[in-house]
């Protein structure tokens, strides 16, 4: 683990990454590992539908979901809506959601992210210190202790 990421224990966080670009998935996964997240707790999904199915079939609560906005089958906006509805219907602990986009993050886009329930957003290429700060927030506000 890099010395930059030793202040908070991110090991137990259960994280889902959904991005249709394989390189983006790999880069974010490697960054999460360097930050101290346990590899067994990182679910990698190829699109929003895959993320929805992963979360709906999981026997544990997810702490954080990173969703690319533009994906086939189910985009990030559709995915967050479906996932939030599924979790609310089952009275499960709500994860924090982060949007990922390659587009400019203007105020209108940020408002749209807020309106659908994203807790954070990142433009690509991603700033890993900002992701670490977001995960510190996840670890202190929504850490699930179930198996």
N, C-alpha and C. Protein backbone atom coordinates (compact mmCIF):
# COMPACT_ATOMS: atom_id res chain seq x y z
N UNK A 1 0.85 -1.17 0.00
CA UNK A 1 0.00 0.00 0.00
C UNK A 1 0.89 1.23 0.00
N UNK A 2 0.53 2.21 -0.80
CA UNK A 2 1.29 3.44 -0.88
C UNK A 2 1.21 4.19 0.44
N UNK A 3 2.28 4.87 0.80
CA UNK A 3 2.30 5.62 2.06
C UNK A 3 1.28 6.76 2.06
N UNK A 4 0.83 7.18 0.88
CA UNK A 4 -0.17 8.24 0.80
C UNK A 4 -1.53 7.78 1.34
N UNK A 5 -1.76 6.48 1.36
CA UNK A 5 -3.08 5.94 1.69
C UNK A 5 -3.07 5.09 2.96
N UNK A 6 -2.45 5.57 4.01
CA UNK A 6 -2.36 4.76 5.22
C UNK A 6 -3.16 5.31 6.40
N UNK A 7 -3.90 6.38 6.21
CA UNK A 7 -4.59 7.00 7.33
C UNK A 7 -5.91 6.33 7.70
N UNK A 8 -6.56 5.68 6.75
CA UNK A 8 -7.88 5.11 6.98
C UNK A 8 -7.88 3.66 6.53
N UNK A 9 -8.55 2.81 7.29
CA UNK A 9 -8.64 1.39 6.93
C UNK A 9 -9.77 1.20 5.92
N UNK A 10 -9.40 1.00 4.66
CA UNK A 10 -10.39 0.77 3.61
C UNK A 10 -10.54 -0.71 3.29
N UNK A 11 -9.76 -1.55 3.97
CA UNK A 11 -9.73 -2.99 3.69
C UNK A 11 -11.12 -3.63 3.64
N UNK A 12 -12.01 -3.34 4.61
CA UNK A 12 -13.30 -4.05 4.60
C UNK A 12 -14.35 -3.48 3.65
N UNK A 13 -14.09 -2.35 3.02
CA UNK A 13 -15.11 -1.77 2.14
C UNK A 13 -15.47 -2.73 1.01
N UNK A 14 -16.75 -2.80 0.73
CA UNK A 14 -17.26 -3.62 -0.38
C UNK A 14 -17.66 -2.65 -1.49
N UNK A 15 -16.96 -2.73 -2.61
CA UNK A 15 -17.08 -1.74 -3.68
C UNK A 15 -17.43 -2.41 -4.99
N UNK A 16 -18.31 -1.76 -5.74
CA UNK A 16 -18.66 -2.20 -7.09
C UNK A 16 -18.19 -1.12 -8.06
N UNK A 17 -17.52 -1.57 -9.12
CA UNK A 17 -17.06 -0.69 -10.19
C UNK A 17 -17.75 -1.13 -11.47
N UNK A 18 -18.49 -0.21 -12.11
CA UNK A 18 -19.16 -0.53 -13.37
C UNK A 18 -18.69 0.46 -14.44
N UNK A 19 -18.02 -0.09 -15.45
CA UNK A 19 -17.53 0.72 -16.57
C UNK A 19 -17.40 -0.22 -17.76
N UNK A 20 -17.85 0.23 -18.92
CA UNK A 20 -17.77 -0.62 -20.11
C UNK A 20 -16.38 -0.64 -20.72
N UNK A 21 -15.48 0.22 -20.24
CA UNK A 21 -14.12 0.26 -20.77
C UNK A 21 -13.20 -0.56 -19.86
N UNK A 22 -12.61 -1.62 -20.41
CA UNK A 22 -11.78 -2.52 -19.63
C UNK A 22 -10.60 -1.80 -18.98
N UNK A 23 -9.97 -0.90 -19.68
CA UNK A 23 -8.81 -0.18 -19.13
C UNK A 23 -9.25 0.67 -17.93
N UNK A 24 -10.38 1.36 -18.05
CA UNK A 24 -10.87 2.15 -16.92
C UNK A 24 -11.16 1.27 -15.71
N UNK A 25 -11.75 0.10 -15.94
CA UNK A 25 -12.01 -0.83 -14.83
C UNK A 25 -10.71 -1.25 -14.16
N UNK A 26 -9.72 -1.62 -14.97
CA UNK A 26 -8.44 -2.09 -14.43
C UNK A 26 -7.71 -0.98 -13.67
N UNK A 27 -7.71 0.23 -14.22
CA UNK A 27 -7.02 1.34 -13.55
C UNK A 27 -7.66 1.64 -12.21
N UNK A 28 -9.00 1.70 -12.16
CA UNK A 28 -9.67 1.98 -10.89
C UNK A 28 -9.45 0.84 -9.90
N UNK A 29 -9.51 -0.39 -10.37
CA UNK A 29 -9.27 -1.53 -9.47
C UNK A 29 -7.86 -1.46 -8.88
N UNK A 30 -6.86 -1.19 -9.70
CA UNK A 30 -5.48 -1.09 -9.20
C UNK A 30 -5.35 0.05 -8.19
N UNK A 31 -6.02 1.17 -8.45
CA UNK A 31 -5.97 2.29 -7.50
C UNK A 31 -6.62 1.89 -6.18
N UNK A 32 -7.76 1.19 -6.23
CA UNK A 32 -8.43 0.75 -5.01
C UNK A 32 -7.54 -0.20 -4.21
N UNK A 33 -6.85 -1.09 -4.90
CA UNK A 33 -5.94 -2.02 -4.23
C UNK A 33 -4.80 -1.25 -3.55
N UNK A 34 -4.25 -0.27 -4.23
CA UNK A 34 -3.17 0.54 -3.64
C UNK A 34 -3.64 1.33 -2.44
N UNK A 35 -4.92 1.67 -2.43
CA UNK A 35 -5.48 2.41 -1.30
C UNK A 35 -5.79 1.50 -0.12
N UNK A 36 -5.69 0.19 -0.34
CA UNK A 36 -5.88 -0.75 0.76
C UNK A 36 -7.18 -1.51 0.75
N UNK A 37 -7.97 -1.41 -0.30
CA UNK A 37 -9.21 -2.18 -0.38
C UNK A 37 -8.85 -3.63 -0.69
N UNK A 38 -9.49 -4.57 -0.01
CA UNK A 38 -9.27 -6.00 -0.23
C UNK A 38 -9.79 -6.38 -1.61
N UNK A 39 -8.97 -7.05 -2.40
CA UNK A 39 -9.35 -7.43 -3.77
C UNK A 39 -10.63 -8.26 -3.79
N UNK A 40 -10.84 -9.09 -2.75
CA UNK A 40 -12.05 -9.93 -2.69
C UNK A 40 -13.32 -9.10 -2.52
N UNK A 41 -13.16 -7.83 -2.13
CA UNK A 41 -14.31 -6.96 -1.88
C UNK A 41 -14.58 -5.99 -3.02
N UNK A 42 -13.94 -6.20 -4.17
CA UNK A 42 -14.15 -5.33 -5.32
C UNK A 42 -14.90 -6.13 -6.40
N UNK A 43 -16.11 -5.70 -6.68
CA UNK A 43 -16.90 -6.32 -7.75
C UNK A 43 -16.72 -5.53 -9.03
N UNK A 44 -16.27 -6.19 -10.07
CA UNK A 44 -16.03 -5.52 -11.35
C UNK A 44 -17.16 -5.88 -12.31
N UNK A 45 -17.80 -4.85 -12.87
CA UNK A 45 -18.96 -5.05 -13.74
C UNK A 45 -18.75 -4.31 -15.06
N UNK A 46 -19.29 -4.88 -16.13
CA UNK A 46 -19.05 -4.33 -17.47
C UNK A 46 -20.07 -3.27 -17.88
N UNK A 47 -21.16 -3.13 -17.13
CA UNK A 47 -22.15 -2.09 -17.42
C UNK A 47 -23.12 -1.99 -16.25
N UNK A 48 -24.08 -1.09 -16.38
CA UNK A 48 -25.02 -0.87 -15.29
C UNK A 48 -25.90 -2.06 -14.97
N UNK A 49 -26.31 -2.80 -16.00
CA UNK A 49 -27.13 -3.99 -15.76
C UNK A 49 -26.34 -5.04 -14.99
N UNK A 50 -25.09 -5.21 -15.36
CA UNK A 50 -24.20 -6.15 -14.66
C UNK A 50 -24.06 -5.72 -13.19
N UNK A 51 -23.93 -4.43 -12.93
CA UNK A 51 -23.82 -3.92 -11.55
C UNK A 51 -25.11 -4.18 -10.78
N UNK A 52 -26.24 -3.92 -11.41
CA UNK A 52 -27.53 -4.17 -10.76
C UNK A 52 -27.66 -5.65 -10.38
N UNK A 53 -27.33 -6.53 -11.32
CA UNK A 53 -27.43 -7.96 -11.05
C UNK A 53 -26.45 -8.39 -9.96
N UNK A 54 -25.23 -7.85 -9.98
CA UNK A 54 -24.23 -8.18 -8.96
C UNK A 54 -24.77 -7.80 -7.58
N UNK A 55 -25.28 -6.58 -7.46
CA UNK A 55 -25.77 -6.09 -6.16
C UNK A 55 -27.02 -6.85 -5.74
N UNK A 56 -27.92 -7.11 -6.66
CA UNK A 56 -29.17 -7.79 -6.28
C UNK A 56 -28.93 -9.25 -5.91
N UNK A 57 -27.84 -9.84 -6.36
CA UNK A 57 -27.53 -11.23 -6.02
C UNK A 57 -26.53 -11.35 -4.87
N UNK A 58 -25.99 -10.24 -4.39
CA UNK A 58 -24.98 -10.29 -3.33
C UNK A 58 -25.62 -10.68 -1.99
N UNK A 59 -24.87 -11.46 -1.23
CA UNK A 59 -25.34 -11.86 0.10
C UNK A 59 -24.88 -10.88 1.17
N UNK A 60 -24.32 -9.76 0.76
CA UNK A 60 -23.79 -8.75 1.66
C UNK A 60 -24.22 -7.37 1.17
N UNK A 61 -24.12 -6.38 2.04
CA UNK A 61 -24.39 -5.01 1.64
C UNK A 61 -23.15 -4.43 0.97
N UNK A 62 -23.37 -3.61 -0.03
CA UNK A 62 -22.29 -2.93 -0.74
C UNK A 62 -22.14 -1.54 -0.12
N UNK A 63 -20.90 -1.10 0.06
CA UNK A 63 -20.64 0.21 0.66
C UNK A 63 -20.56 1.34 -0.35
N UNK A 64 -20.08 1.03 -1.56
CA UNK A 64 -19.82 2.08 -2.54
C UNK A 64 -19.96 1.52 -3.95
N UNK A 65 -20.56 2.33 -4.83
CA UNK A 65 -20.74 1.92 -6.23
C UNK A 65 -20.22 3.04 -7.13
N UNK A 66 -19.23 2.71 -7.95
CA UNK A 66 -18.72 3.62 -8.97
C UNK A 66 -19.40 3.27 -10.28
N UNK A 67 -20.12 4.23 -10.87
CA UNK A 67 -20.85 3.99 -12.11
C UNK A 67 -20.40 4.93 -13.22
N UNK A 68 -19.92 4.36 -14.31
CA UNK A 68 -19.69 5.15 -15.50
C UNK A 68 -21.07 5.63 -15.98
N UNK A 69 -21.11 6.82 -16.54
CA UNK A 69 -22.40 7.36 -16.96
C UNK A 69 -22.85 6.79 -18.30
N UNK A 70 -21.92 6.63 -19.24
CA UNK A 70 -22.28 6.13 -20.56
C UNK A 70 -21.84 4.69 -20.73
N UNK A 71 -22.82 3.78 -20.61
CA UNK A 71 -22.57 2.35 -20.77
C UNK A 71 -23.70 1.74 -21.58
N UNK A 72 -23.41 0.63 -22.28
CA UNK A 72 -24.49 -0.06 -23.01
C UNK A 72 -25.42 -0.80 -22.03
N UNK A 73 -26.50 -1.24 -22.54
CA UNK A 73 -27.55 -1.99 -21.81
C UNK A 73 -28.21 -1.16 -20.72
N UNK A 74 -27.44 -0.63 -19.77
CA UNK A 74 -28.00 0.21 -18.71
C UNK A 74 -26.94 1.25 -18.35
N UNK A 75 -27.24 2.53 -18.58
CA UNK A 75 -26.25 3.57 -18.28
C UNK A 75 -26.23 3.89 -16.79
N UNK A 76 -25.36 4.78 -16.39
CA UNK A 76 -25.20 5.10 -14.97
C UNK A 76 -26.44 5.67 -14.32
N UNK A 77 -27.17 6.51 -15.06
CA UNK A 77 -28.41 7.09 -14.51
C UNK A 77 -29.47 6.01 -14.30
N UNK A 78 -29.62 5.14 -15.27
CA UNK A 78 -30.59 4.04 -15.14
C UNK A 78 -30.16 3.08 -14.03
N UNK A 79 -28.86 2.82 -13.95
CA UNK A 79 -28.36 1.88 -12.95
C UNK A 79 -28.58 2.39 -11.53
N UNK A 80 -28.25 3.65 -11.27
CA UNK A 80 -28.42 4.15 -9.90
C UNK A 80 -29.90 4.13 -9.50
N UNK A 81 -30.77 4.46 -10.43
CA UNK A 81 -32.20 4.44 -10.13
C UNK A 81 -32.66 3.02 -9.80
N UNK A 82 -32.25 2.05 -10.59
CA UNK A 82 -32.64 0.65 -10.36
C UNK A 82 -32.04 0.10 -9.07
N UNK A 83 -30.76 0.39 -8.84
CA UNK A 83 -30.09 -0.12 -7.64
C UNK A 83 -30.68 0.50 -6.39
N UNK A 84 -30.88 1.81 -6.39
CA UNK A 84 -31.47 2.47 -5.21
C UNK A 84 -32.86 1.92 -4.91
N UNK A 85 -33.66 1.71 -5.94
CA UNK A 85 -35.01 1.16 -5.75
C UNK A 85 -34.95 -0.25 -5.16
N UNK A 86 -34.06 -1.08 -5.70
CA UNK A 86 -33.90 -2.45 -5.20
C UNK A 86 -33.51 -2.43 -3.72
N UNK A 87 -32.54 -1.61 -3.37
CA UNK A 87 -32.04 -1.57 -1.99
C UNK A 87 -33.11 -1.02 -1.04
N UNK A 88 -33.82 0.03 -1.44
CA UNK A 88 -34.89 0.59 -0.61
C UNK A 88 -36.00 -0.43 -0.38
N UNK A 89 -36.38 -1.15 -1.43
CA UNK A 89 -37.44 -2.15 -1.31
C UNK A 89 -37.10 -3.26 -0.33
N UNK A 90 -35.82 -3.51 -0.13
CA UNK A 90 -35.38 -4.58 0.76
C UNK A 90 -34.85 -4.07 2.09
N UNK A 91 -35.00 -2.78 2.34
CA UNK A 91 -34.54 -2.15 3.59
C UNK A 91 -33.09 -2.48 3.90
N UNK A 92 -32.26 -2.49 2.85
CA UNK A 92 -30.83 -2.72 3.04
C UNK A 92 -30.13 -1.39 3.23
N UNK A 93 -28.90 -1.45 3.66
CA UNK A 93 -28.10 -0.25 3.83
C UNK A 93 -27.75 0.33 2.46
N UNK A 94 -28.00 1.63 2.29
CA UNK A 94 -27.76 2.28 1.00
C UNK A 94 -26.28 2.62 0.85
N UNK A 95 -25.66 2.16 -0.25
CA UNK A 95 -24.26 2.52 -0.50
C UNK A 95 -24.15 3.97 -0.94
N UNK A 96 -22.94 4.48 -0.92
CA UNK A 96 -22.69 5.78 -1.54
C UNK A 96 -22.38 5.52 -3.01
N UNK A 97 -22.83 6.42 -3.87
CA UNK A 97 -22.68 6.26 -5.31
C UNK A 97 -21.78 7.36 -5.86
N UNK A 98 -20.89 6.97 -6.77
CA UNK A 98 -20.02 7.93 -7.44
C UNK A 98 -20.19 7.78 -8.95
N UNK A 99 -20.42 8.90 -9.62
CA UNK A 99 -20.53 8.92 -11.08
C UNK A 99 -19.15 9.13 -11.67
N UNK A 100 -18.91 8.48 -12.80
CA UNK A 100 -17.64 8.66 -13.53
C UNK A 100 -18.00 9.06 -14.95
N UNK A 101 -17.34 10.10 -15.44
CA UNK A 101 -17.65 10.58 -16.78
C UNK A 101 -16.42 11.14 -17.47
N UNK A 102 -16.41 11.02 -18.77
CA UNK A 102 -15.35 11.62 -19.58
C UNK A 102 -15.74 12.99 -20.09
N UNK A 103 -16.92 13.47 -19.70
CA UNK A 103 -17.41 14.77 -20.15
C UNK A 103 -17.11 15.86 -19.13
N UNK A 104 -17.23 17.09 -19.57
CA UNK A 104 -17.01 18.23 -18.69
C UNK A 104 -18.08 18.23 -17.60
N UNK A 105 -17.67 18.48 -16.38
CA UNK A 105 -18.61 18.51 -15.25
C UNK A 105 -19.07 19.94 -15.00
N UNK A 106 -20.05 20.38 -15.78
CA UNK A 106 -20.60 21.71 -15.57
C UNK A 106 -21.65 21.65 -14.46
N UNK A 107 -22.15 22.79 -14.05
CA UNK A 107 -23.10 22.85 -12.93
C UNK A 107 -24.40 22.10 -13.24
N UNK A 108 -24.86 22.14 -14.49
CA UNK A 108 -26.08 21.43 -14.87
C UNK A 108 -25.89 19.92 -14.71
N UNK A 109 -24.74 19.41 -15.12
CA UNK A 109 -24.45 17.98 -14.98
C UNK A 109 -24.36 17.59 -13.52
N UNK A 110 -23.68 18.39 -12.71
CA UNK A 110 -23.57 18.11 -11.28
C UNK A 110 -24.95 18.09 -10.62
N UNK A 111 -25.83 19.02 -11.02
CA UNK A 111 -27.19 19.03 -10.47
C UNK A 111 -27.93 17.75 -10.86
N UNK A 112 -27.76 17.33 -12.10
CA UNK A 112 -28.41 16.08 -12.54
C UNK A 112 -27.90 14.89 -11.72
N UNK A 113 -26.59 14.85 -11.45
CA UNK A 113 -26.03 13.79 -10.60
C UNK A 113 -26.66 13.84 -9.21
N UNK A 114 -26.75 15.03 -8.63
CA UNK A 114 -27.37 15.20 -7.32
C UNK A 114 -28.82 14.72 -7.34
N UNK A 115 -29.56 15.11 -8.37
CA UNK A 115 -30.99 14.80 -8.44
C UNK A 115 -31.28 13.30 -8.45
N UNK A 116 -30.39 12.50 -9.05
CA UNK A 116 -30.64 11.05 -9.09
C UNK A 116 -30.02 10.31 -7.90
N UNK A 117 -29.24 11.02 -7.07
CA UNK A 117 -28.73 10.39 -5.86
C UNK A 117 -27.26 10.07 -5.82
N UNK A 118 -26.47 10.59 -6.77
CA UNK A 118 -25.03 10.38 -6.67
C UNK A 118 -24.47 11.20 -5.51
N UNK A 119 -23.57 10.61 -4.76
CA UNK A 119 -22.94 11.28 -3.63
C UNK A 119 -21.62 11.95 -4.01
N UNK A 120 -21.13 11.62 -5.18
CA UNK A 120 -19.89 12.20 -5.68
C UNK A 120 -19.77 11.94 -7.16
N UNK A 121 -18.85 12.64 -7.80
CA UNK A 121 -18.64 12.46 -9.23
C UNK A 121 -17.19 12.74 -9.57
N UNK A 122 -16.73 12.03 -10.56
CA UNK A 122 -15.33 12.12 -10.97
C UNK A 122 -15.25 12.18 -12.48
N UNK A 123 -14.40 13.10 -12.97
CA UNK A 123 -14.17 13.12 -14.40
C UNK A 123 -12.97 12.23 -14.71
N UNK A 124 -12.90 11.80 -15.95
CA UNK A 124 -11.81 10.93 -16.38
C UNK A 124 -10.82 11.77 -17.18
N UNK A 125 -9.54 11.56 -17.01
CA UNK A 125 -8.95 10.57 -16.10
C UNK A 125 -9.19 10.97 -14.64
N UNK A 126 -9.32 9.96 -13.81
CA UNK A 126 -9.72 10.17 -12.42
C UNK A 126 -8.55 10.63 -11.56
N UNK A 127 -8.86 11.50 -10.61
CA UNK A 127 -7.90 11.99 -9.64
C UNK A 127 -7.96 11.06 -8.43
N UNK A 128 -6.91 10.28 -8.21
CA UNK A 128 -6.96 9.24 -7.18
C UNK A 128 -7.00 9.79 -5.76
N UNK A 129 -6.43 10.96 -5.53
CA UNK A 129 -6.53 11.52 -4.18
C UNK A 129 -7.97 11.92 -3.89
N UNK A 130 -8.72 12.37 -4.90
CA UNK A 130 -10.14 12.68 -4.71
C UNK A 130 -10.95 11.41 -4.45
N UNK A 131 -10.59 10.34 -5.13
CA UNK A 131 -11.27 9.06 -4.90
C UNK A 131 -10.98 8.58 -3.47
N UNK A 132 -9.74 8.71 -3.03
CA UNK A 132 -9.38 8.32 -1.67
C UNK A 132 -10.19 9.13 -0.66
N UNK A 133 -10.31 10.44 -0.88
CA UNK A 133 -11.11 11.27 0.02
C UNK A 133 -12.57 10.81 0.03
N UNK A 134 -13.10 10.44 -1.13
CA UNK A 134 -14.47 9.93 -1.20
C UNK A 134 -14.59 8.62 -0.42
N UNK A 135 -13.61 7.74 -0.56
CA UNK A 135 -13.66 6.46 0.15
C UNK A 135 -13.51 6.64 1.66
N UNK A 136 -12.76 7.64 2.08
CA UNK A 136 -12.69 7.94 3.52
C UNK A 136 -14.08 8.33 4.02
N UNK A 137 -14.79 9.09 3.22
CA UNK A 137 -16.17 9.46 3.57
C UNK A 137 -17.05 8.22 3.63
N UNK A 138 -16.89 7.33 2.66
CA UNK A 138 -17.66 6.07 2.67
C UNK A 138 -17.36 5.28 3.94
N UNK A 139 -16.08 5.19 4.28
CA UNK A 139 -15.68 4.36 5.43
C UNK A 139 -16.22 4.90 6.74
N UNK A 140 -16.45 6.19 6.84
CA UNK A 140 -16.94 6.76 8.10
C UNK A 140 -18.45 6.91 8.14
N UNK A 141 -19.12 6.88 6.98
CA UNK A 141 -20.58 7.10 6.98
C UNK A 141 -21.38 5.85 6.65
N UNK A 142 -20.77 4.86 6.01
CA UNK A 142 -21.60 3.77 5.50
C UNK A 142 -20.90 2.42 5.56
N UNK A 143 -19.93 2.24 6.41
CA UNK A 143 -19.21 0.97 6.45
C UNK A 143 -20.10 -0.12 6.99
N UNK A 144 -20.29 -1.16 6.19
CA UNK A 144 -21.10 -2.31 6.59
C UNK A 144 -20.18 -3.34 7.21
N UNK A 145 -20.64 -3.97 8.25
CA UNK A 145 -19.81 -4.96 8.93
C UNK A 145 -20.30 -6.39 8.71
N UNK A 146 -21.29 -6.56 7.86
CA UNK A 146 -21.77 -7.91 7.62
C UNK A 146 -20.83 -8.65 6.67
N UNK A 147 -20.96 -9.97 6.66
CA UNK A 147 -20.06 -10.80 5.83
C UNK A 147 -20.40 -10.70 4.37
